[in-house]
Structures are given as C-alpha cells and as structure tokens.
Amino acid sequence: MTVGYHRYFTHGSFKANRPLRIALAVAGGLAAQGSVIAWVADHRRHHAFSDREGDPHSPWLFGTSARALAKGFWHAHMGWLFERDVTNSERFAPDLLADRDIRTVDRLFIPLTVVSVALPGVLGGLITMSWWGAVTAFFWGGLVRIAFLHHVTWSVNSICHMVGSRPFTSRDKAANFWPLALLSMGESWHNSHHADPTGARHGVLRGQLDISARVIWIFEKFGWATNVRWPKPERLAAKRTAAAR
C-alpha cells in the first residue's frame, strides 16, 4: 500500500520496471483496501482538495467545535466509505486507465481479496491438518490482519490531519504523528508528505523512521526502480516553517 498504491501509483515517486509495477499493483490488491485505479483516484482527489470541500475524507469538513470534530474524525477515519461519492477515475487516474497491465489487475481486485482473506485459513489447515488451525489462521491471518491494516491506513487520514507537528509549510492541516511511524511504515510523517507529495521519503528529518523509503532504496539498488525522487536539502529548507527553522 505505502510503496505501491501510494508513493508509486499515486505520486510517481519513482519509476518501476514492468514486473515491479505489476507486483506492486497485485500486492496492493491483496491489502483489500480497494482496486488500484479507484484507490489512486481517491487519493489524488484528496490531495487536490485537501481539507477543503471536495476532499473525500477530511476531518475538517463539519466545523471546529468539539461535536463537529468528533463527526469529522469518524468521517475521515471510515465514515466516508459508507457515504462516499465515487471519484471520477478518468479525471484523476487517466494514466492508470491507459495501462493495460494495471487495468487487468484492477479487474482482479475481488479475486485478490478472496485470496487474501482465505489463503491464511487454507494454509493453517494444511500445516496443522486440523479445522482449528484453519479457523484460527483465517481469523488472525485473514480478518484481524486486514482490519488492523485498514485502521492504520485510516488513522493517517484522520489522526494525521488533526494531531501532530507541522514543521513544513503545506496548504492543509496535515501533521506528523510519530507514534504511527512504525505501524504505517513511514506514512504518518504526513505534514512532510503534503509539503512535498512526490517525494519518495516522507520521514525527511533526523530520527524519522520511514521503512517504505528503505524498501524503495532496495528496489533502486536492484535496478528495479529508477528516477527516485529523493528529498533535496534546498527544497526541504525552502519548505520549513519559520517556527521550525
């Protein structure tokens, strides 16, 4: 999700060869968070209208009172999924629609989700040769894993637009929230990301853990990823807020 759906497909933080591009699309589908084209369209729309009318999951759409923010937190975290308007993929993801490989993986989203949920149970049953092994593996490796992954992702949408530090200038309320850095593989350095959306590394300051950036670095070393958009010191300096300098 972080390296493929987000940094590569949505923001073009690097270029991937064809096998890696397809693998990242398939891996994202296995996370069961949506098909690659729909997910990318939603996220590009989020950046286009971040924390303004048109943002599909901003927590600031209902006001700043305690009640409005509670409603906004629920909306940003997961409520938007139940009352969403479908993002126009032709407007926000025409490049993916033009890619035959990605269209094919996009159409396979439902089978990939079924595999992702069911395979742990099948393996658990075969390894232990018991129904109890199948059920427990299905519960922990299928349902709990996917639910946990979803809530980490949703927390970036909700918490990271409400709480945290803002060392860089951006036109929205995106914030860095360090407690989520490990679980989100670096996605919770959200202020840094919104200040420089196409950057391959979100944890750009000293001590900021960003596992996704390290994965991209490994891909680059193997020659699978090229033209990686690593952050430049002069660009970071220009984005720093006066209080953070």
C-alpha atoms as a PDB file:
ATOM      1  CA  MET A   1       0.000   0.000   0.000  1.00  0.00           C
ATOM      2  CA  THR A   2       2.625   2.515   1.050  1.00  0.00           C
ATOM      3  CA  VAL A   3       5.239   1.854  -1.619  1.00  0.00           C
ATOM      4  CA  GLY A   4       2.910   0.768  -4.451  1.00  0.00           C
ATOM      5  CA  TYR A   5      -0.551   2.298  -4.273  1.00  0.00           C
ATOM      6  CA  HIS A   6       0.624   5.477  -2.560  1.00  0.00           C
ATOM      7  CA  ARG A   7       4.172   6.548  -3.392  1.00  0.00           C
ATOM      8  CA  TYR A   8       4.419   4.906  -6.819  1.00  0.00           C
ATOM      9  CA  PHE A   9       0.995   4.815  -8.460  1.00  0.00           C
ATOM     10  CA  THR A  10      -0.481   7.942  -6.855  1.00  0.00           C
ATOM     11  CA  HIS A  11       2.513  10.255  -6.701  1.00  0.00           C
ATOM     12  CA  GLY A  12       5.094   8.863  -9.119  1.00  0.00           C
ATOM     13  CA  SER A  13       7.892   8.988  -6.531  1.00  0.00           C
ATOM     14  CA  PHE A  14       9.925   6.639  -8.719  1.00  0.00           C
ATOM     15  CA  LYS A  15       9.716   4.700 -11.961  1.00  0.00           C
ATOM     16  CA  ALA A  16       9.316   0.920 -11.784  1.00  0.00           C
ATOM     17  CA  ASN A  17      10.058  -1.719 -14.369  1.00  0.00           C
ATOM     18  CA  ARG A  18       7.122  -3.738 -15.619  1.00  0.00           C
ATOM     19  CA  PRO A  19       7.439  -6.767 -13.259  1.00  0.00           C
ATOM     20  CA  LEU A  20       7.725  -4.495 -10.214  1.00  0.00           C
ATOM     21  CA  ARG A  21       4.825  -2.330 -11.383  1.00  0.00           C
ATOM     22  CA  ILE A  22       2.553  -5.363 -11.739  1.00  0.00           C
ATOM     23  CA  ALA A  23       3.768  -6.866  -8.443  1.00  0.00           C
ATOM     24  CA  LEU A  24       3.040  -3.630  -6.574  1.00  0.00           C
ATOM     25  CA  ALA A  25      -0.471  -3.472  -8.039  1.00  0.00           C
ATOM     26  CA  VAL A  26      -1.161  -7.100  -7.050  1.00  0.00           C
ATOM     27  CA  ALA A  27       0.284  -6.602  -3.552  1.00  0.00           C
ATOM     28  CA  GLY A  28      -1.922  -3.558  -3.065  1.00  0.00           C
ATOM     29  CA  GLY A  29      -4.973  -5.533  -4.128  1.00  0.00           C
ATOM     30  CA  LEU A  30      -4.152  -8.180  -1.516  1.00  0.00           C
ATOM     31  CA  ALA A  31      -4.476  -5.489   1.164  1.00  0.00           C
ATOM     32  CA  ALA A  32      -8.217  -5.394   0.346  1.00  0.00           C
ATOM     33  CA  GLN A  33      -8.432  -1.608   0.523  1.00  0.00           C
ATOM     34  CA  GLY A  34      -9.812  -1.139  -2.961  1.00  0.00           C
ATOM     35  CA  SER A  35      -8.809  -1.639  -6.558  1.00  0.00           C
ATOM     36  CA  VAL A  36      -5.677   0.177  -7.637  1.00  0.00           C
ATOM     37  CA  ILE A  37      -7.364   2.643 -10.004  1.00  0.00           C
ATOM     38  CA  ALA A  38     -10.150   3.582  -7.585  1.00  0.00           C
ATOM     39  CA  TRP A  39      -7.717   3.941  -4.663  1.00  0.00           C
ATOM     40  CA  VAL A  40      -5.344   6.149  -6.622  1.00  0.00           C
ATOM     41  CA  ALA A  41      -8.178   8.316  -7.947  1.00  0.00           C
ATOM     42  CA  ASP A  42      -9.497   8.849  -4.407  1.00  0.00           C
ATOM     43  CA  HIS A  43      -6.075   9.761  -3.073  1.00  0.00           C
ATOM     44  CA  ARG A  44      -5.219  12.146  -5.890  1.00  0.00           C
ATOM     45  CA  ARG A  45      -8.551  13.835  -5.292  1.00  0.00           C
ATOM     46  CA  HIS A  46      -7.674  14.059  -1.592  1.00  0.00           C
ATOM     47  CA  HIS A  47      -4.503  15.967  -2.454  1.00  0.00           C
ATOM     48  CA  ALA A  48      -6.265  18.177  -4.988  1.00  0.00           C
ATOM     49  CA  PHE A  49      -8.804  19.351  -2.380  1.00  0.00           C
ATOM     50  CA  SER A  50      -7.005  18.556   0.864  1.00  0.00           C
ATOM     51  CA  ASP A  51      -9.064  19.654   3.886  1.00  0.00           C
ATOM     52  CA  ARG A  52     -11.427  21.591   1.650  1.00  0.00           C
ATOM     53  CA  GLU A  53     -14.763  20.890   0.014  1.00  0.00           C
ATOM     54  CA  GLY A  54     -14.165  18.019  -2.400  1.00  0.00           C
ATOM     55  CA  ASP A  55     -11.716  16.143  -0.164  1.00  0.00           C
ATOM     56  CA  PRO A  56     -13.259  12.670   0.235  1.00  0.00           C
ATOM     57  CA  HIS A  57     -12.021  12.163   3.808  1.00  0.00           C
ATOM     58  CA  SER A  58     -11.060  15.366   5.589  1.00  0.00           C
ATOM     59  CA  PRO A  59     -11.911  15.611   9.317  1.00  0.00           C
ATOM     60  CA  TRP A  60     -12.405  19.391   8.963  1.00  0.00           C
ATOM     61  CA  LEU A  61     -15.478  19.434   6.723  1.00  0.00           C
ATOM     62  CA  PHE A  62     -18.042  19.979   9.501  1.00  0.00           C
ATOM     63  CA  GLY A  63     -16.544  22.802  11.563  1.00  0.00           C
ATOM     64  CA  THR A  64     -14.209  23.207  14.511  1.00  0.00           C
ATOM     65  CA  SER A  65     -16.472  22.638  17.508  1.00  0.00           C
ATOM     66  CA  ALA A  66     -15.920  19.542  19.640  1.00  0.00           C
ATOM     67  CA  ARG A  67     -19.013  17.900  18.165  1.00  0.00           C
ATOM     68  CA  ALA A  68     -18.018  18.821  14.599  1.00  0.00           C
ATOM     69  CA  LEU A  69     -14.512  17.451  15.076  1.00  0.00           C
ATOM     70  CA  ALA A  70     -15.829  14.210  16.562  1.00  0.00           C
ATOM     71  CA  LYS A  71     -18.047  13.835  13.500  1.00  0.00           C
ATOM     72  CA  GLY A  72     -15.122  14.791  11.279  1.00  0.00           C
ATOM     73  CA  PHE A  73     -12.843  12.220  12.893  1.00  0.00           C
ATOM     74  CA  TRP A  74     -15.373   9.447  12.254  1.00  0.00           C
ATOM     75  CA  HIS A  75     -15.891  10.649   8.690  1.00  0.00           C
ATOM     76  CA  ALA A  76     -12.155  10.796   7.928  1.00  0.00           C
ATOM     77  CA  HIS A  77     -11.383   7.503   9.627  1.00  0.00           C
ATOM     78  CA  MET A  78     -14.002   5.310   7.984  1.00  0.00           C
ATOM     79  CA  GLY A  79     -17.369   7.064   7.725  1.00  0.00           C
ATOM     80  CA  TRP A  80     -16.583   8.371   4.255  1.00  0.00           C
ATOM     81  CA  LEU A  81     -16.570   4.814   2.937  1.00  0.00           C
ATOM     82  CA  PHE A  82     -20.282   4.463   3.762  1.00  0.00           C
ATOM     83  CA  GLU A  83     -21.401   7.786   2.318  1.00  0.00           C
ATOM     84  CA  ARG A  84     -18.906   8.324  -0.459  1.00  0.00           C
ATOM     85  CA  ASP A  85     -19.394   9.702  -3.923  1.00  0.00           C
ATOM     86  CA  VAL A  86     -17.349   7.808  -6.472  1.00  0.00           C
ATOM     87  CA  THR A  87     -14.266   9.665  -7.684  1.00  0.00           C
ATOM     88  CA  ASN A  88     -14.013  10.178 -11.435  1.00  0.00           C
ATOM     89  CA  SER A  89     -11.129   7.922 -12.463  1.00  0.00           C
ATOM     90  CA  GLU A  90     -10.976   9.403 -15.961  1.00  0.00           C
ATOM     91  CA  ARG A  91     -10.158  12.754 -14.394  1.00  0.00           C
ATOM     92  CA  PHE A  92      -7.863  11.655 -11.581  1.00  0.00           C
ATOM     93  CA  ALA A  93      -6.220   8.459 -12.888  1.00  0.00           C
ATOM     94  CA  PRO A  94      -6.141   8.577 -16.716  1.00  0.00           C
ATOM     95  CA  ASP A  95      -2.565   7.238 -16.764  1.00  0.00           C
ATOM     96  CA  LEU A  96      -3.613   4.043 -14.992  1.00  0.00           C
ATOM     97  CA  LEU A  97      -6.670   3.608 -17.186  1.00  0.00           C
ATOM     98  CA  ALA A  98      -4.328   3.746 -20.188  1.00  0.00           C
ATOM     99  CA  ASP A  99      -2.109   0.978 -18.776  1.00  0.00           C
ATOM    100  CA  ARG A 100      -3.347  -2.451 -19.899  1.00  0.00           C
ATOM    101  CA  ASP A 101      -1.468  -4.312 -17.143  1.00  0.00           C
ATOM    102  CA  ILE A 102      -2.934  -2.118 -14.422  1.00  0.00           C
ATOM    103  CA  ARG A 103      -6.452  -2.357 -15.861  1.00  0.00           C
ATOM    104  CA  THR A 104      -6.144  -6.149 -15.723  1.00  0.00           C
ATOM    105  CA  VAL A 105      -5.011  -6.145 -12.081  1.00  0.00           C
ATOM    106  CA  ASP A 106      -7.751  -3.631 -11.274  1.00  0.00           C
ATOM    107  CA  ARG A 107     -10.391  -6.029 -12.611  1.00  0.00           C
ATOM    108  CA  LEU A 108      -8.942  -8.815 -10.436  1.00  0.00           C
ATOM    109  CA  PHE A 109      -9.496  -6.930  -7.174  1.00  0.00           C
ATOM    110  CA  ILE A 110     -12.333  -9.180  -5.916  1.00  0.00           C
ATOM    111  CA  PRO A 111     -10.421 -12.457  -6.572  1.00  0.00           C
ATOM    112  CA  LEU A 112      -7.315 -10.959  -4.943  1.00  0.00           C
ATOM    113  CA  THR A 113      -9.358 -10.007  -1.874  1.00  0.00           C
ATOM    114  CA  VAL A 114     -10.815 -13.508  -1.633  1.00  0.00           C
ATOM    115  CA  VAL A 115      -7.321 -15.000  -1.847  1.00  0.00           C
ATOM    116  CA  SER A 116      -6.001 -12.571   0.765  1.00  0.00           C
ATOM    117  CA  VAL A 117      -8.760 -13.423   3.243  1.00  0.00           C
ATOM    118  CA  ALA A 118      -8.989 -17.169   2.594  1.00  0.00           C
ATOM    119  CA  LEU A 119      -5.384 -18.242   1.969  1.00  0.00           C
ATOM    120  CA  PRO A 120      -4.224 -17.966   5.620  1.00  0.00           C
ATOM    121  CA  GLY A 121      -7.028 -20.317   6.655  1.00  0.00           C
ATOM    122  CA  VAL A 122      -6.180 -22.801   3.924  1.00  0.00           C
ATOM    123  CA  LEU A 123      -2.503 -22.764   4.874  1.00  0.00           C
ATOM    124  CA  GLY A 124      -3.322 -23.021   8.577  1.00  0.00           C
ATOM    125  CA  GLY A 125      -5.479 -26.056   7.933  1.00  0.00           C
ATOM    126  CA  LEU A 126      -2.883 -27.771   5.749  1.00  0.00           C
ATOM    127  CA  ILE A 127       0.011 -27.051   8.103  1.00  0.00           C
ATOM    128  CA  THR A 128      -1.785 -28.252  11.239  1.00  0.00           C
ATOM    129  CA  MET A 129      -4.054 -30.749   9.478  1.00  0.00           C
ATOM    130  CA  SER A 130      -6.921 -29.521  11.652  1.00  0.00           C
ATOM    131  CA  TRP A 131     -10.041 -27.412  11.376  1.00  0.00           C
ATOM    132  CA  TRP A 132      -8.945 -25.477  14.473  1.00  0.00           C
ATOM    133  CA  GLY A 133      -5.741 -24.496  12.699  1.00  0.00           C
ATOM    134  CA  ALA A 134      -7.733 -23.384   9.667  1.00  0.00           C
ATOM    135  CA  VAL A 135     -10.177 -21.299  11.725  1.00  0.00           C
ATOM    136  CA  THR A 136      -7.539 -19.591  13.872  1.00  0.00           C
ATOM    137  CA  ALA A 137      -5.310 -18.851  10.866  1.00  0.00           C
ATOM    138  CA  PHE A 138      -8.327 -17.453   8.979  1.00  0.00           C
ATOM    139  CA  PHE A 139      -9.192 -15.256  11.982  1.00  0.00           C
ATOM    140  CA  TRP A 140      -5.713 -13.886  12.723  1.00  0.00           C
ATOM    141  CA  GLY A 141      -4.063 -14.073   9.299  1.00  0.00           C
ATOM    142  CA  GLY A 142      -7.150 -13.077   7.350  1.00  0.00           C
ATOM    143  CA  LEU A 143      -9.682 -10.970   9.254  1.00  0.00           C
ATOM    144  CA  VAL A 144      -7.558  -9.441  12.016  1.00  0.00           C
ATOM    145  CA  ARG A 145      -4.634  -8.707   9.698  1.00  0.00           C
ATOM    146  CA  ILE A 146      -6.808  -6.887   7.190  1.00  0.00           C
ATOM    147  CA  ALA A 147      -8.759  -4.997   9.876  1.00  0.00           C
ATOM    148  CA  PHE A 148      -5.511  -3.891  11.535  1.00  0.00           C
ATOM    149  CA  LEU A 149      -4.053  -2.748   8.218  1.00  0.00           C
ATOM    150  CA  HIS A 150      -7.213  -0.787   7.410  1.00  0.00           C
ATOM    151  CA  HIS A 151      -7.230   1.040  10.737  1.00  0.00           C
ATOM    152  CA  VAL A 152      -3.577   2.023  10.385  1.00  0.00           C
ATOM    153  CA  THR A 153      -4.313   3.469   6.940  1.00  0.00           C
ATOM    154  CA  TRP A 154      -7.474   5.201   8.147  1.00  0.00           C
ATOM    155  CA  SER A 155      -5.545   6.676  11.082  1.00  0.00           C
ATOM    156  CA  VAL A 156      -3.334   8.547   8.630  1.00  0.00           C
ATOM    157  CA  ASN A 157      -6.496  10.060   7.110  1.00  0.00           C
ATOM    158  CA  SER A 158      -7.977  11.010  10.476  1.00  0.00           C
ATOM    159  CA  ILE A 159      -5.330  11.440  13.199  1.00  0.00           C
ATOM    160  CA  CYS A 160      -2.642  12.814  10.883  1.00  0.00           C
ATOM    161  CA  HIS A 161      -4.940  15.624   9.757  1.00  0.00           C
ATOM    162  CA  MET A 162      -5.801  16.610  13.318  1.00  0.00           C
ATOM    163  CA  VAL A 163      -2.912  15.976  15.719  1.00  0.00           C
ATOM    164  CA  GLY A 164       0.851  16.344  15.461  1.00  0.00           C
ATOM    165  CA  SER A 165       3.646  18.686  14.416  1.00  0.00           C
ATOM    166  CA  ARG A 166       3.803  20.784  11.267  1.00  0.00           C
ATOM    167  CA  PRO A 167       7.450  21.654  10.563  1.00  0.00           C
ATOM    168  CA  PHE A 168       6.813  22.225   6.851  1.00  0.00           C
ATOM    169  CA  THR A 169       4.520  24.589   5.009  1.00  0.00           C
ATOM    170  CA  SER A 170       1.512  22.987   3.333  1.00  0.00           C
ATOM    171  CA  ARG A 171      -1.888  24.314   2.324  1.00  0.00           C
ATOM    172  CA  ASP A 172      -3.802  21.992   4.639  1.00  0.00           C
ATOM    173  CA  LYS A 173      -3.741  20.630   8.186  1.00  0.00           C
ATOM    174  CA  ALA A 174      -1.647  17.507   7.542  1.00  0.00           C
ATOM    175  CA  ALA A 175       0.610  16.767  10.533  1.00  0.00           C
ATOM    176  CA  ASN A 176       3.475  14.476  11.501  1.00  0.00           C
ATOM    177  CA  PHE A 177       2.378  11.969  14.164  1.00  0.00           C
ATOM    178  CA  TRP A 178       5.365   9.941  15.331  1.00  0.00           C
ATOM    179  CA  PRO A 179       3.535   7.139  17.266  1.00  0.00           C
ATOM    180  CA  LEU A 180       2.213   5.770  13.951  1.00  0.00           C
ATOM    181  CA  ALA A 181       5.553   5.843  12.110  1.00  0.00           C
ATOM    182  CA  LEU A 182       6.450   2.182  12.607  1.00  0.00           C
ATOM    183  CA  LEU A 183       2.963   0.755  12.048  1.00  0.00           C
ATOM    184  CA  SER A 184       2.371   2.872   8.944  1.00  0.00           C
ATOM    185  CA  MET A 185       5.863   2.239   7.508  1.00  0.00           C
ATOM    186  CA  GLY A 186       6.568   5.974   7.470  1.00  0.00           C
ATOM    187  CA  GLU A 187       3.222   7.251   6.212  1.00  0.00           C
ATOM    188  CA  SER A 188       2.479   9.189   9.403  1.00  0.00           C
ATOM    189  CA  TRP A 189       5.104  11.820   8.539  1.00  0.00           C
ATOM    190  CA  HIS A 190       2.114  13.337   6.825  1.00  0.00           C
ATOM    191  CA  ASN A 191       2.985  17.020   7.016  1.00  0.00           C
ATOM    192  CA  SER A 192       6.286  16.289   5.297  1.00  0.00           C
ATOM    193  CA  HIS A 193       4.416  14.326   2.629  1.00  0.00           C
ATOM    194  CA  HIS A 194       1.841  17.024   1.943  1.00  0.00           C
ATOM    195  CA  ALA A 195       4.601  19.622   1.742  1.00  0.00           C
ATOM    196  CA  ASP A 196       6.359  17.507  -0.919  1.00  0.00           C
ATOM    197  CA  PRO A 197       3.850  14.937  -2.242  1.00  0.00           C
ATOM    198  CA  THR A 198       6.073  13.362  -4.897  1.00  0.00           C
ATOM    199  CA  GLY A 199       8.978  12.726  -2.535  1.00  0.00           C
ATOM    200  CA  ALA A 200       9.970   9.085  -2.110  1.00  0.00           C
ATOM    201  CA  ARG A 201      10.879   9.620   1.558  1.00  0.00           C
ATOM    202  CA  HIS A 202       8.333  11.051   3.998  1.00  0.00           C
ATOM    203  CA  GLY A 203      10.479  10.845   7.115  1.00  0.00           C
ATOM    204  CA  VAL A 204      12.882  13.545   5.998  1.00  0.00           C
ATOM    205  CA  LEU A 205      14.146  14.806   9.365  1.00  0.00           C
ATOM    206  CA  ARG A 206      16.728  13.220  11.632  1.00  0.00           C
ATOM    207  CA  GLY A 207      15.374  10.228  13.544  1.00  0.00           C
ATOM    208  CA  GLN A 208      12.186   9.872  11.487  1.00  0.00           C
ATOM    209  CA  LEU A 209      11.716   6.174  10.709  1.00  0.00           C
ATOM    210  CA  ASP A 210      10.469   5.506   7.168  1.00  0.00           C
ATOM    211  CA  ILE A 211      10.504   1.811   6.268  1.00  0.00           C
ATOM    212  CA  SER A 212       8.801   2.431   2.920  1.00  0.00           C
ATOM    213  CA  ALA A 213      11.643   4.704   1.819  1.00  0.00           C
ATOM    214  CA  ARG A 214      14.124   1.955   2.678  1.00  0.00           C
ATOM    215  CA  VAL A 215      12.133  -0.536   0.579  1.00  0.00           C
ATOM    216  CA  ILE A 216      12.248   1.883  -2.360  1.00  0.00           C
ATOM    217  CA  TRP A 217      16.009   2.280  -1.781  1.00  0.00           C
ATOM    218  CA  ILE A 218      16.390  -1.521  -2.015  1.00  0.00           C
ATOM    219  CA  PHE A 219      14.377  -1.575  -5.256  1.00  0.00           C
ATOM    220  CA  GLU A 220      16.671   1.134  -6.596  1.00  0.00           C
ATOM    221  CA  LYS A 221      19.799  -0.824  -5.664  1.00  0.00           C
ATOM    222  CA  PHE A 222      18.466  -3.873  -7.536  1.00  0.00           C
ATOM    223  CA  GLY A 223      17.754  -1.718 -10.580  1.00  0.00           C
ATOM    224  CA  TRP A 224      14.011  -2.321 -10.404  1.00  0.00           C
ATOM    225  CA  ALA A 225      13.257   1.320  -9.536  1.00  0.00           C
ATOM    226  CA  THR A 226      14.783   4.338 -11.254  1.00  0.00           C
ATOM    227  CA  ASN A 227      14.428   8.118 -11.188  1.00  0.00           C
ATOM    228  CA  VAL A 228      13.672   8.014  -7.480  1.00  0.00           C
ATOM    229  CA  ARG A 229      12.658  11.424  -6.184  1.00  0.00           C
ATOM    230  CA  TRP A 230      14.713  11.620  -3.012  1.00  0.00           C
ATOM    231  CA  PRO A 231      14.265  14.825  -0.993  1.00  0.00           C
ATOM    232  CA  LYS A 232      16.750  17.611  -1.660  1.00  0.00           C
ATOM    233  CA  PRO A 233      18.108  19.696   1.238  1.00  0.00           C
ATOM    234  CA  GLU A 234      17.469  23.004  -0.517  1.00  0.00           C
ATOM    235  CA  ARG A 235      13.844  22.082  -1.226  1.00  0.00           C
ATOM    236  CA  LEU A 236      13.307  21.000   2.369  1.00  0.00           C
ATOM    237  CA  ALA A 237      14.850  24.224   3.651  1.00  0.00           C
ATOM    238  CA  ALA A 238      12.505  26.275   1.474  1.00  0.00           C
ATOM    239  CA  LYS A 239       9.501  24.398   2.881  1.00  0.00           C
ATOM    240  CA  ARG A 240      10.430  24.733   6.575  1.00  0.00           C
ATOM    241  CA  THR A 241       8.096  26.908   8.611  1.00  0.00           C
ATOM    242  CA  ALA A 242       9.606  29.884  10.410  1.00  0.00           C
ATOM    243  CA  ALA A 243       8.972  28.257  13.800  1.00  0.00           C
ATOM    244  CA  ALA A 244      10.818  25.069  12.768  1.00  0.00           C
ATOM    245  CA  ARG A 245      13.963  26.794  11.498  1.00  0.00           C
END
